[in-house]
C-alpha atoms as a PDB file:
ATOM      1  CA  MET A   1       2.666  -6.188  12.756  1.00  0.00           C
ATOM      2  CA  VAL A   2       0.743  -9.350  13.585  1.00  0.00           C
ATOM      3  CA  VAL A   3      -1.095 -11.062  10.746  1.00  0.00           C
ATOM      4  CA  SER A   4      -3.572 -13.896  11.094  1.00  0.00           C
ATOM      5  CA  ASP A   5      -5.471 -16.374   9.015  1.00  0.00           C
ATOM      6  CA  VAL A   6      -9.124 -16.845  10.046  1.00  0.00           C
ATOM      7  CA  ASP A   7     -10.522 -20.357   9.608  1.00  0.00           C
ATOM      8  CA  GLY A   8      -8.639 -22.713  11.909  1.00  0.00           C
ATOM      9  CA  VAL A   9      -6.884 -19.847  13.724  1.00  0.00           C
ATOM     10  CA  LEU A  10      -9.358 -17.177  14.832  1.00  0.00           C
ATOM     11  CA  THR A  11     -12.043 -19.881  14.580  1.00  0.00           C
ATOM     12  CA  ASP A  12     -11.950 -23.624  15.143  1.00  0.00           C
ATOM     13  CA  GLY A  13     -12.073 -24.110  11.387  1.00  0.00           C
ATOM     14  CA  ARG A  14     -15.606 -25.391  11.222  1.00  0.00           C
ATOM     15  CA  ILE A  15     -17.931 -23.598   8.849  1.00  0.00           C
ATOM     16  CA  ILE A  16     -21.570 -24.005   9.751  1.00  0.00           C
ATOM     17  CA  LEU A  17     -24.059 -23.440   6.942  1.00  0.00           C
ATOM     18  CA  GLY A  18     -27.744 -22.992   7.675  1.00  0.00           C
ATOM     19  CA  ASN A  19     -30.585 -24.111   5.396  1.00  0.00           C
ATOM     20  CA  ASP A  20     -30.849 -20.603   3.954  1.00  0.00           C
ATOM     21  CA  GLY A  21     -27.103 -20.476   3.203  1.00  0.00           C
ATOM     22  CA  GLU A  22     -26.267 -18.424   6.268  1.00  0.00           C
ATOM     23  CA  GLU A  23     -22.683 -19.018   7.379  1.00  0.00           C
ATOM     24  CA  LEU A  24     -21.737 -19.152  11.054  1.00  0.00           C
ATOM     25  CA  LYS A  25     -18.318 -19.046  12.716  1.00  0.00           C
ATOM     26  CA  CYS A  26     -17.285 -18.988  16.372  1.00  0.00           C
ATOM     27  CA  PHE A  27     -14.674 -16.457  17.493  1.00  0.00           C
ATOM     28  CA  HIS A  28     -13.087 -16.613  20.947  1.00  0.00           C
ATOM     29  CA  PRO A  29     -13.456 -13.407  22.995  1.00  0.00           C
ATOM     30  CA  ARG A  30      -9.910 -13.761  24.361  1.00  0.00           C
ATOM     31  CA  ASP A  31      -8.544 -13.411  20.851  1.00  0.00           C
ATOM     32  CA  GLY A  32     -10.584 -10.231  20.477  1.00  0.00           C
ATOM     33  CA  LEU A  33      -9.146  -8.715  23.640  1.00  0.00           C
ATOM     34  CA  GLY A  34      -5.666  -9.842  22.622  1.00  0.00           C
ATOM     35  CA  ILE A  35      -6.048  -8.054  19.290  1.00  0.00           C
ATOM     36  CA  ARG A  36      -7.190  -4.898  21.098  1.00  0.00           C
ATOM     37  CA  LEU A  37      -4.172  -5.120  23.435  1.00  0.00           C
ATOM     38  CA  ALA A  38      -1.818  -5.476  20.476  1.00  0.00           C
ATOM     39  CA  GLN A  39      -3.381  -2.430  18.828  1.00  0.00           C
ATOM     40  CA  ARG A  40      -3.112  -0.499  22.081  1.00  0.00           C
ATOM     41  CA  ALA A  41       0.603  -1.350  22.129  1.00  0.00           C
ATOM     42  CA  GLY A  42       1.000   0.106  18.634  1.00  0.00           C
ATOM     43  CA  ILE A  43       0.998  -3.183  16.734  1.00  0.00           C
ATOM     44  CA  VAL A  44      -0.930  -3.273  13.474  1.00  0.00           C
ATOM     45  CA  PHE A  45      -3.155  -6.356  13.306  1.00  0.00           C
ATOM     46  CA  ALA A  46      -4.099  -7.675   9.872  1.00  0.00           C
ATOM     47  CA  ILE A  47      -6.110 -10.560   8.456  1.00  0.00           C
ATOM     48  CA  ILE A  48      -5.282 -12.494   5.306  1.00  0.00           C
ATOM     49  CA  THR A  49      -7.694 -15.336   4.556  1.00  0.00           C
ATOM     50  CA  GLY A  50      -8.419 -17.582   1.625  1.00  0.00           C
ATOM     51  CA  ARG A  51     -12.171 -17.517   2.117  1.00  0.00           C
ATOM     52  CA  GLU A  52     -14.530 -14.591   1.862  1.00  0.00           C
ATOM     53  CA  SER A  53     -17.135 -14.074   4.557  1.00  0.00           C
ATOM     54  CA  GLN A  54     -19.340 -11.217   5.714  1.00  0.00           C
ATOM     55  CA  ILE A  55     -18.876 -12.552   9.255  1.00  0.00           C
ATOM     56  CA  VAL A  56     -15.146 -11.821   9.074  1.00  0.00           C
ATOM     57  CA  THR A  57     -15.904  -8.284   7.886  1.00  0.00           C
ATOM     58  CA  ILE A  58     -18.257  -7.759  10.831  1.00  0.00           C
ATOM     59  CA  ARG A  59     -15.810  -9.177  13.394  1.00  0.00           C
ATOM     60  CA  ALA A  60     -12.941  -7.104  11.985  1.00  0.00           C
ATOM     61  CA  ARG A  61     -15.064  -3.961  12.178  1.00  0.00           C
ATOM     62  CA  GLU A  62     -15.913  -4.740  15.827  1.00  0.00           C
ATOM     63  CA  LEU A  63     -12.207  -4.995  16.624  1.00  0.00           C
ATOM     64  CA  GLY A  64     -11.059  -2.009  14.575  1.00  0.00           C
ATOM     65  CA  ILE A  65      -9.011  -4.146  12.184  1.00  0.00           C
ATOM     66  CA  GLU A  66      -8.465  -2.085   9.056  1.00  0.00           C
ATOM     67  CA  GLU A  67      -6.321  -4.524   7.092  1.00  0.00           C
ATOM     68  CA  VAL A  68      -8.755  -7.287   6.122  1.00  0.00           C
ATOM     69  CA  HIS A  69      -7.908  -9.245   2.978  1.00  0.00           C
ATOM     70  CA  GLN A  70     -10.344 -11.993   2.023  1.00  0.00           C
ATOM     71  CA  GLY A  71     -10.602 -14.440  -0.871  1.00  0.00           C
ATOM     72  CA  ILE A  72      -6.821 -14.483  -1.233  1.00  0.00           C
ATOM     73  CA  ASP A  73      -5.103 -17.303  -3.135  1.00  0.00           C
ATOM     74  CA  ASP A  74      -1.570 -15.877  -2.956  1.00  0.00           C
ATOM     75  CA  LYS A  75      -1.214 -14.785   0.651  1.00  0.00           C
ATOM     76  CA  TRP A  76       2.449 -13.831   0.248  1.00  0.00           C
ATOM     77  CA  ALA A  77       1.566 -11.282  -2.470  1.00  0.00           C
ATOM     78  CA  VAL A  78      -0.774  -9.517  -0.016  1.00  0.00           C
ATOM     79  CA  MET A  79       1.827  -9.778   2.754  1.00  0.00           C
ATOM     80  CA  ALA A  80       4.391  -8.151   0.450  1.00  0.00           C
ATOM     81  CA  GLN A  81       1.961  -5.278  -0.194  1.00  0.00           C
ATOM     82  CA  LEU A  82       1.464  -4.811   3.549  1.00  0.00           C
ATOM     83  CA  LEU A  83       5.225  -4.767   4.128  1.00  0.00           C
ATOM     84  CA  GLU A  84       5.574  -2.041   1.535  1.00  0.00           C
ATOM     85  CA  LYS A  85       2.591  -0.030   2.791  1.00  0.00           C
ATOM     86  CA  TYR A  86       3.803  -0.024   6.400  1.00  0.00           C
ATOM     87  CA  GLN A  87       7.501   0.122   5.458  1.00  0.00           C
ATOM     88  CA  LEU A  88       8.294  -3.033   7.408  1.00  0.00           C
ATOM     89  CA  GLU A  89      10.844  -5.769   6.954  1.00  0.00           C
ATOM     90  CA  PRO A  90       9.589  -9.370   7.111  1.00  0.00           C
ATOM     91  CA  SER A  91      11.550  -9.718  10.363  1.00  0.00           C
ATOM     92  CA  GLN A  92       9.145  -7.214  11.974  1.00  0.00           C
ATOM     93  CA  VAL A  93       6.095  -9.394  11.330  1.00  0.00           C
ATOM     94  CA  ALA A  94       4.494 -12.282  13.193  1.00  0.00           C
ATOM     95  CA  TYR A  95       2.080 -14.473  11.238  1.00  0.00           C
ATOM     96  CA  ILE A  96      -0.181 -17.233  12.520  1.00  0.00           C
ATOM     97  CA  GLY A  97      -1.774 -19.780  10.232  1.00  0.00           C
ATOM     98  CA  ASP A  98      -2.780 -23.417  10.324  1.00  0.00           C
ATOM     99  CA  ASP A  99      -2.586 -24.927   6.851  1.00  0.00           C
ATOM    100  CA  LEU A 100      -0.421 -25.306   3.768  1.00  0.00           C
ATOM    101  CA  ASN A 101      -1.540 -22.040   2.179  1.00  0.00           C
ATOM    102  CA  ASP A 102       0.039 -20.228   5.153  1.00  0.00           C
ATOM    103  CA  LEU A 103       3.518 -21.690   4.690  1.00  0.00           C
ATOM    104  CA  ALA A 104       4.778 -19.060   2.240  1.00  0.00           C
ATOM    105  CA  ILE A 105       4.342 -16.388   4.899  1.00  0.00           C
ATOM    106  CA  ILE A 106       5.295 -18.485   7.931  1.00  0.00           C
ATOM    107  CA  ARG A 107       8.644 -19.332   6.360  1.00  0.00           C
ATOM    108  CA  ARG A 108       9.468 -15.700   5.449  1.00  0.00           C
ATOM    109  CA  VAL A 109       8.487 -13.586   8.458  1.00  0.00           C
ATOM    110  CA  GLY A 110      10.318 -12.928  11.693  1.00  0.00           C
ATOM    111  CA  LEU A 111       7.968 -15.060  13.790  1.00  0.00           C
ATOM    112  CA  GLY A 112       5.967 -17.772  12.056  1.00  0.00           C
ATOM    113  CA  ALA A 113       3.370 -19.442  14.250  1.00  0.00           C
ATOM    114  CA  THR A 114       0.712 -22.098  14.068  1.00  0.00           C
ATOM    115  CA  VAL A 115      -2.000 -23.406  16.342  1.00  0.00           C
ATOM    116  CA  ALA A 116      -1.863 -26.620  18.362  1.00  0.00           C
ATOM    117  CA  ASP A 117      -4.069 -28.361  15.797  1.00  0.00           C
ATOM    118  CA  GLY A 118      -2.294 -26.959  12.741  1.00  0.00           C
ATOM    119  CA  VAL A 119      -1.219 -29.418  10.067  1.00  0.00           C
ATOM    120  CA  ALA A 120       2.078 -31.271  10.592  1.00  0.00           C
ATOM    121  CA  GLU A 121       3.870 -29.580   7.679  1.00  0.00           C
ATOM    122  CA  VAL A 122       3.095 -26.141   9.100  1.00  0.00           C
ATOM    123  CA  LYS A 123       4.207 -27.176  12.598  1.00  0.00           C
ATOM    124  CA  ARG A 124       7.500 -28.324  11.094  1.00  0.00           C
ATOM    125  CA  TYR A 125       8.288 -24.813   9.804  1.00  0.00           C
ATOM    126  CA  ALA A 126       6.680 -22.682  12.519  1.00  0.00           C
ATOM    127  CA  ASP A 127       8.834 -20.930  15.102  1.00  0.00           C
ATOM    128  CA  VAL A 128       5.974 -21.171  17.607  1.00  0.00           C
ATOM    129  CA  VAL A 129       3.226 -23.745  18.048  1.00  0.00           C
ATOM    130  CA  THR A 130       0.606 -22.442  20.450  1.00  0.00           C
ATOM    131  CA  LYS A 131      -0.769 -24.588  23.241  1.00  0.00           C
ATOM    132  CA  ALA A 132      -4.263 -23.469  22.281  1.00  0.00           C
ATOM    133  CA  LYS A 133      -6.087 -24.880  19.282  1.00  0.00           C
ATOM    134  CA  GLY A 134      -7.546 -22.653  16.605  1.00  0.00           C
ATOM    135  CA  GLY A 135     -10.574 -20.747  17.859  1.00  0.00           C
ATOM    136  CA  GLU A 136      -9.592 -21.361  21.470  1.00  0.00           C
ATOM    137  CA  GLY A 137      -7.430 -18.318  22.190  1.00  0.00           C
ATOM    138  CA  ALA A 138      -4.343 -19.147  20.105  1.00  0.00           C
ATOM    139  CA  VAL A 139      -4.052 -15.615  18.708  1.00  0.00           C
ATOM    140  CA  ARG A 140      -4.222 -14.170  22.215  1.00  0.00           C
ATOM    141  CA  GLU A 141      -1.493 -16.598  23.276  1.00  0.00           C
ATOM    142  CA  LEU A 142       0.761 -15.414  20.442  1.00  0.00           C
ATOM    143  CA  ILE A 143       0.080 -11.749  21.174  1.00  0.00           C
ATOM    144  CA  GLU A 144       0.874 -12.217  24.865  1.00  0.00           C
ATOM    145  CA  LEU A 145       4.125 -13.959  23.923  1.00  0.00           C
ATOM    146  CA  ILE A 146       5.089 -11.003  21.720  1.00  0.00           C
ATOM    147  CA  LEU A 147       4.099  -8.337  24.260  1.00  0.00           C
ATOM    148  CA  LYS A 148       5.888 -10.123  27.098  1.00  0.00           C
ATOM    149  CA  SER A 149       9.044 -10.514  25.007  1.00  0.00           C
ATOM    150  CA  GLN A 150       8.960  -6.758  24.358  1.00  0.00           C
ATOM    151  CA  HIS A 151       8.366  -6.028  28.062  1.00  0.00           C
ATOM    152  CA  ARG A 152       5.071  -4.274  27.282  1.00  0.00           C
ATOM    153  CA  TRP A 153       2.723  -6.728  28.976  1.00  0.00           C
ATOM    154  CA  LYS A 154       2.946  -5.304  32.508  1.00  0.00           C
ATOM    155  CA  ASP A 155       2.338  -1.759  31.294  1.00  0.00           C
ATOM    156  CA  LEU A 156      -0.768  -2.894  29.412  1.00  0.00           C
ATOM    157  CA  LEU A 157      -2.035  -4.741  32.483  1.00  0.00           C
ATOM    158  CA  ARG A 158      -1.498  -1.661  34.660  1.00  0.00           C
ATOM    159  CA  SER A 159      -3.421   0.471  32.196  1.00  0.00           C
ATOM    160  CA  MET A 160      -6.414  -1.838  32.516  1.00  0.00           C
ATOM    161  CA  ILE A 161      -6.593  -1.841  36.294  1.00  0.00           C
END
């Protein structure tokens, strides 16, 4: 399982509000393809985010992400529920986040990751710090790292050609 935060990870962290209250976020298409590749390889992709946004719901639907948990204060509690639901050990999970509210998960899972522009405290505890910043393909970078370490990357590439 790969689990991701949204703001600052799948997006650059900026939240743009229009005059009518409309919220806008920018998602990188490479992250989207990376998520699809992970799913194709049998990896469950989940989102746990502190904010609630219709945009996240729409993007998750586009990518076939079924586990979308928004407005979450205690991210570890949701992670624990996911572990139980999918009968996984924490060591079988990779999590990518960028801020202090992600530390509880990053410190407990098998592969804790953060983005290049994540906060210093999170970088200190992360197993992986991506070269890409949040919203610039960092999730794709993590997924490729996982798939290559499991020797599944070449098979996925062949299936796309």
